[in-house]
């Protein structure tokens, strides 16, 4: 298991949508959620435009990111 390495896989979202849209159930579901998808795309674009990031649930602008954002409350390994 120690030999596992991260190997990213390319993803062409437009090609995926073109192929998946041939299936009626996918197309109907995707179209039913189109407004939500559009809203999410707009939110992500705005975050990117204004340099807003989220680290472990805390929202920062690029000029306010702490060097070490972790404390006892925001440790990723903390038991909830």
N, C-alpha and C. Protein backbone atom coordinates (compact mmCIF):
# COMPACT_ATOMS: atom_id res chain seq x y z
N UNK A 1 0.82 -1.19 0.00
CA UNK A 1 0.00 0.00 0.00
C UNK A 1 0.86 1.25 0.00
N UNK A 2 2.08 1.18 0.50
CA UNK A 2 2.96 2.34 0.53
C UNK A 2 3.39 2.75 -0.87
N UNK A 3 3.20 1.89 -1.87
CA UNK A 3 3.61 2.20 -3.24
C UNK A 3 2.57 3.03 -4.00
N UNK A 4 1.44 3.33 -3.36
CA UNK A 4 0.41 4.10 -4.03
C UNK A 4 0.89 5.53 -4.25
N UNK A 5 0.68 6.02 -5.44
CA UNK A 5 1.05 7.40 -5.77
C UNK A 5 -0.13 8.07 -6.43
N UNK A 6 -0.23 9.37 -6.23
CA UNK A 6 -1.28 10.15 -6.83
C UNK A 6 -1.04 10.27 -8.33
N UNK A 7 -2.01 9.85 -9.12
CA UNK A 7 -1.91 9.93 -10.57
C UNK A 7 -3.18 10.62 -11.10
N UNK A 8 -3.12 11.92 -11.30
CA UNK A 8 -4.32 12.62 -11.78
C UNK A 8 -4.77 12.11 -13.14
N UNK A 9 -6.07 12.12 -13.33
CA UNK A 9 -6.67 11.67 -14.58
C UNK A 9 -7.28 12.88 -15.26
N UNK A 10 -6.95 13.11 -16.54
CA UNK A 10 -7.54 14.27 -17.22
C UNK A 10 -9.06 14.11 -17.35
N UNK A 11 -9.75 15.22 -17.28
CA UNK A 11 -11.22 15.20 -17.39
C UNK A 11 -11.65 16.31 -18.33
N UNK A 12 -12.31 15.94 -19.40
CA UNK A 12 -12.87 16.90 -20.35
C UNK A 12 -14.36 16.97 -20.06
N UNK A 13 -14.76 18.00 -19.31
CA UNK A 13 -16.14 18.08 -18.85
C UNK A 13 -17.12 18.23 -20.02
N UNK A 14 -16.74 19.01 -21.02
CA UNK A 14 -17.62 19.19 -22.18
C UNK A 14 -17.84 17.86 -22.90
N UNK A 15 -16.79 17.08 -23.08
CA UNK A 15 -16.92 15.78 -23.73
C UNK A 15 -17.77 14.84 -22.87
N UNK A 16 -17.57 14.91 -21.55
CA UNK A 16 -18.38 14.08 -20.64
C UNK A 16 -19.86 14.42 -20.79
N UNK A 17 -20.18 15.74 -20.76
CA UNK A 17 -21.59 16.14 -20.88
C UNK A 17 -22.18 15.73 -22.22
N UNK A 18 -21.41 15.86 -23.27
CA UNK A 18 -21.90 15.49 -24.60
C UNK A 18 -22.26 14.01 -24.65
N UNK A 19 -21.38 13.18 -24.09
CA UNK A 19 -21.63 11.73 -24.10
C UNK A 19 -22.77 11.36 -23.15
N UNK A 20 -22.73 11.92 -21.93
CA UNK A 20 -23.74 11.57 -20.93
C UNK A 20 -25.12 12.07 -21.32
N UNK A 21 -25.19 13.20 -22.03
CA UNK A 21 -26.48 13.78 -22.42
C UNK A 21 -27.24 12.93 -23.43
N UNK A 22 -26.59 11.94 -23.99
CA UNK A 22 -27.28 11.03 -24.90
C UNK A 22 -28.25 10.13 -24.14
N UNK A 23 -28.01 10.00 -22.83
CA UNK A 23 -28.91 9.20 -21.99
C UNK A 23 -30.05 10.08 -21.50
N UNK A 24 -31.26 9.67 -21.77
CA UNK A 24 -32.44 10.48 -21.44
C UNK A 24 -32.52 10.81 -19.95
N UNK A 25 -32.29 9.84 -19.08
CA UNK A 25 -32.40 10.07 -17.64
C UNK A 25 -31.37 11.10 -17.16
N UNK A 26 -30.15 11.01 -17.69
CA UNK A 26 -29.11 11.98 -17.32
C UNK A 26 -29.51 13.37 -17.78
N UNK A 27 -29.93 13.47 -19.04
CA UNK A 27 -30.28 14.77 -19.62
C UNK A 27 -31.42 15.42 -18.83
N UNK A 28 -32.45 14.65 -18.49
CA UNK A 28 -33.57 15.20 -17.72
C UNK A 28 -33.14 15.66 -16.34
N UNK A 29 -32.31 14.86 -15.68
CA UNK A 29 -31.83 15.22 -14.34
C UNK A 29 -30.94 16.45 -14.39
N UNK A 30 -30.05 16.49 -15.37
CA UNK A 30 -29.13 17.62 -15.50
C UNK A 30 -29.91 18.90 -15.80
N UNK A 31 -30.88 18.82 -16.69
CA UNK A 31 -31.69 19.99 -17.02
C UNK A 31 -32.51 20.46 -15.83
N UNK A 32 -32.99 19.53 -15.01
CA UNK A 32 -33.77 19.90 -13.82
C UNK A 32 -32.91 20.65 -12.81
N UNK A 33 -31.61 20.38 -12.80
CA UNK A 33 -30.70 21.04 -11.86
C UNK A 33 -29.89 22.17 -12.49
N UNK A 34 -30.20 22.54 -13.72
CA UNK A 34 -29.41 23.54 -14.43
C UNK A 34 -29.29 24.86 -13.66
N UNK A 35 -30.36 25.30 -13.03
CA UNK A 35 -30.30 26.56 -12.27
C UNK A 35 -29.29 26.47 -11.12
N UNK A 36 -29.27 25.34 -10.41
CA UNK A 36 -28.31 25.16 -9.33
C UNK A 36 -26.88 25.11 -9.86
N UNK A 37 -26.68 24.40 -10.97
CA UNK A 37 -25.34 24.34 -11.58
C UNK A 37 -24.87 25.73 -12.00
N UNK A 38 -25.77 26.53 -12.58
CA UNK A 38 -25.41 27.88 -13.01
C UNK A 38 -25.02 28.73 -11.80
N UNK A 39 -25.78 28.63 -10.71
CA UNK A 39 -25.47 29.38 -9.50
C UNK A 39 -24.11 29.00 -8.94
N UNK A 40 -23.82 27.71 -8.89
CA UNK A 40 -22.53 27.24 -8.38
C UNK A 40 -21.39 27.76 -9.25
N UNK A 41 -21.56 27.69 -10.59
CA UNK A 41 -20.52 28.21 -11.48
C UNK A 41 -20.27 29.70 -11.24
N UNK A 42 -21.35 30.47 -11.04
CA UNK A 42 -21.21 31.90 -10.79
C UNK A 42 -20.51 32.16 -9.45
N UNK A 43 -20.85 31.38 -8.43
CA UNK A 43 -20.22 31.55 -7.12
C UNK A 43 -18.73 31.22 -7.19
N UNK A 44 -18.38 30.13 -7.87
CA UNK A 44 -16.97 29.77 -7.99
C UNK A 44 -16.19 30.80 -8.79
N UNK A 45 -16.81 31.34 -9.84
CA UNK A 45 -16.15 32.38 -10.63
C UNK A 45 -15.91 33.63 -9.79
N UNK A 46 -16.90 34.01 -8.97
CA UNK A 46 -16.75 35.19 -8.11
C UNK A 46 -15.67 34.97 -7.07
N UNK A 47 -15.63 33.79 -6.47
CA UNK A 47 -14.58 33.49 -5.48
C UNK A 47 -13.22 33.59 -6.12
N UNK A 48 -13.10 33.06 -7.32
CA UNK A 48 -11.82 33.10 -8.02
C UNK A 48 -11.45 34.53 -8.38
N UNK A 49 -12.41 35.29 -8.87
CA UNK A 49 -12.15 36.67 -9.29
C UNK A 49 -11.67 37.53 -8.13
N UNK A 50 -12.27 37.35 -6.95
CA UNK A 50 -11.93 38.18 -5.81
C UNK A 50 -10.92 37.54 -4.87
N UNK A 51 -10.38 36.38 -5.24
CA UNK A 51 -9.33 35.75 -4.45
C UNK A 51 -9.80 35.24 -3.10
N UNK A 52 -11.00 34.70 -3.05
CA UNK A 52 -11.54 34.16 -1.80
C UNK A 52 -11.29 32.66 -1.76
N UNK A 53 -10.78 32.18 -0.62
CA UNK A 53 -10.54 30.76 -0.45
C UNK A 53 -11.14 30.30 0.87
N UNK A 54 -11.40 29.02 0.98
CA UNK A 54 -11.88 28.45 2.23
C UNK A 54 -10.88 27.39 2.67
N UNK A 55 -10.46 27.46 3.93
CA UNK A 55 -9.54 26.48 4.50
C UNK A 55 -10.20 25.94 5.76
N UNK A 56 -10.51 24.66 5.74
CA UNK A 56 -11.16 23.98 6.86
C UNK A 56 -12.35 24.77 7.38
N UNK A 57 -13.18 25.24 6.47
CA UNK A 57 -14.42 25.91 6.86
C UNK A 57 -14.28 27.38 7.16
N UNK A 58 -13.07 27.91 7.18
CA UNK A 58 -12.85 29.33 7.41
C UNK A 58 -12.65 30.01 6.07
N UNK A 59 -13.27 31.16 5.87
CA UNK A 59 -13.16 31.87 4.61
C UNK A 59 -12.15 32.99 4.74
N UNK A 60 -11.24 33.09 3.77
CA UNK A 60 -10.19 34.11 3.78
C UNK A 60 -10.09 34.74 2.40
N UNK A 61 -9.56 35.94 2.35
CA UNK A 61 -9.14 36.50 1.08
C UNK A 61 -7.65 36.19 0.97
N UNK A 62 -7.09 36.30 -0.22
CA UNK A 62 -5.71 35.89 -0.40
C UNK A 62 -4.74 36.68 0.46
N UNK A 63 -5.08 37.91 0.85
CA UNK A 63 -4.18 38.70 1.68
C UNK A 63 -4.37 38.46 3.17
N UNK A 64 -5.34 37.62 3.56
CA UNK A 64 -5.56 37.36 4.98
C UNK A 64 -5.37 35.90 5.37
N UNK A 65 -4.86 35.07 4.47
CA UNK A 65 -4.65 33.65 4.80
C UNK A 65 -3.54 33.54 5.82
N UNK A 66 -3.82 32.93 6.98
CA UNK A 66 -2.76 32.76 7.97
C UNK A 66 -1.76 31.71 7.50
N UNK A 67 -0.53 31.85 7.97
CA UNK A 67 0.48 30.86 7.58
C UNK A 67 0.13 29.49 8.13
N UNK A 68 -0.41 29.44 9.33
CA UNK A 68 -0.80 28.18 9.96
C UNK A 68 -2.24 28.29 10.41
N UNK A 69 -3.20 27.97 9.53
CA UNK A 69 -4.60 28.19 9.87
C UNK A 69 -5.17 27.19 10.86
N UNK A 70 -4.37 26.23 11.29
CA UNK A 70 -4.89 25.19 12.16
C UNK A 70 -4.76 25.58 13.63
N UNK A 71 -5.77 25.27 14.39
CA UNK A 71 -5.71 25.34 15.84
C UNK A 71 -6.47 24.12 16.35
N UNK A 72 -6.66 24.01 17.64
CA UNK A 72 -7.31 22.82 18.17
C UNK A 72 -8.73 22.63 17.61
N UNK A 73 -9.38 23.73 17.26
CA UNK A 73 -10.75 23.64 16.77
C UNK A 73 -10.82 23.22 15.29
N UNK A 74 -9.77 23.48 14.51
CA UNK A 74 -9.82 23.24 13.07
C UNK A 74 -8.83 22.19 12.57
N UNK A 75 -8.44 21.27 13.40
CA UNK A 75 -7.56 20.21 12.96
C UNK A 75 -8.35 19.21 12.12
N UNK A 76 -7.84 18.85 10.95
CA UNK A 76 -8.58 17.94 10.09
C UNK A 76 -8.75 16.55 10.71
N UNK A 77 -7.90 16.20 11.63
CA UNK A 77 -7.96 14.86 12.22
C UNK A 77 -8.76 14.84 13.53
N UNK A 78 -9.32 15.99 13.91
CA UNK A 78 -10.07 16.11 15.17
C UNK A 78 -11.31 15.23 15.12
N UNK A 79 -11.58 14.52 16.20
CA UNK A 79 -12.80 13.71 16.31
C UNK A 79 -13.97 14.64 16.53
N UNK A 80 -15.06 14.39 15.80
CA UNK A 80 -16.24 15.23 15.94
C UNK A 80 -17.30 14.52 16.71
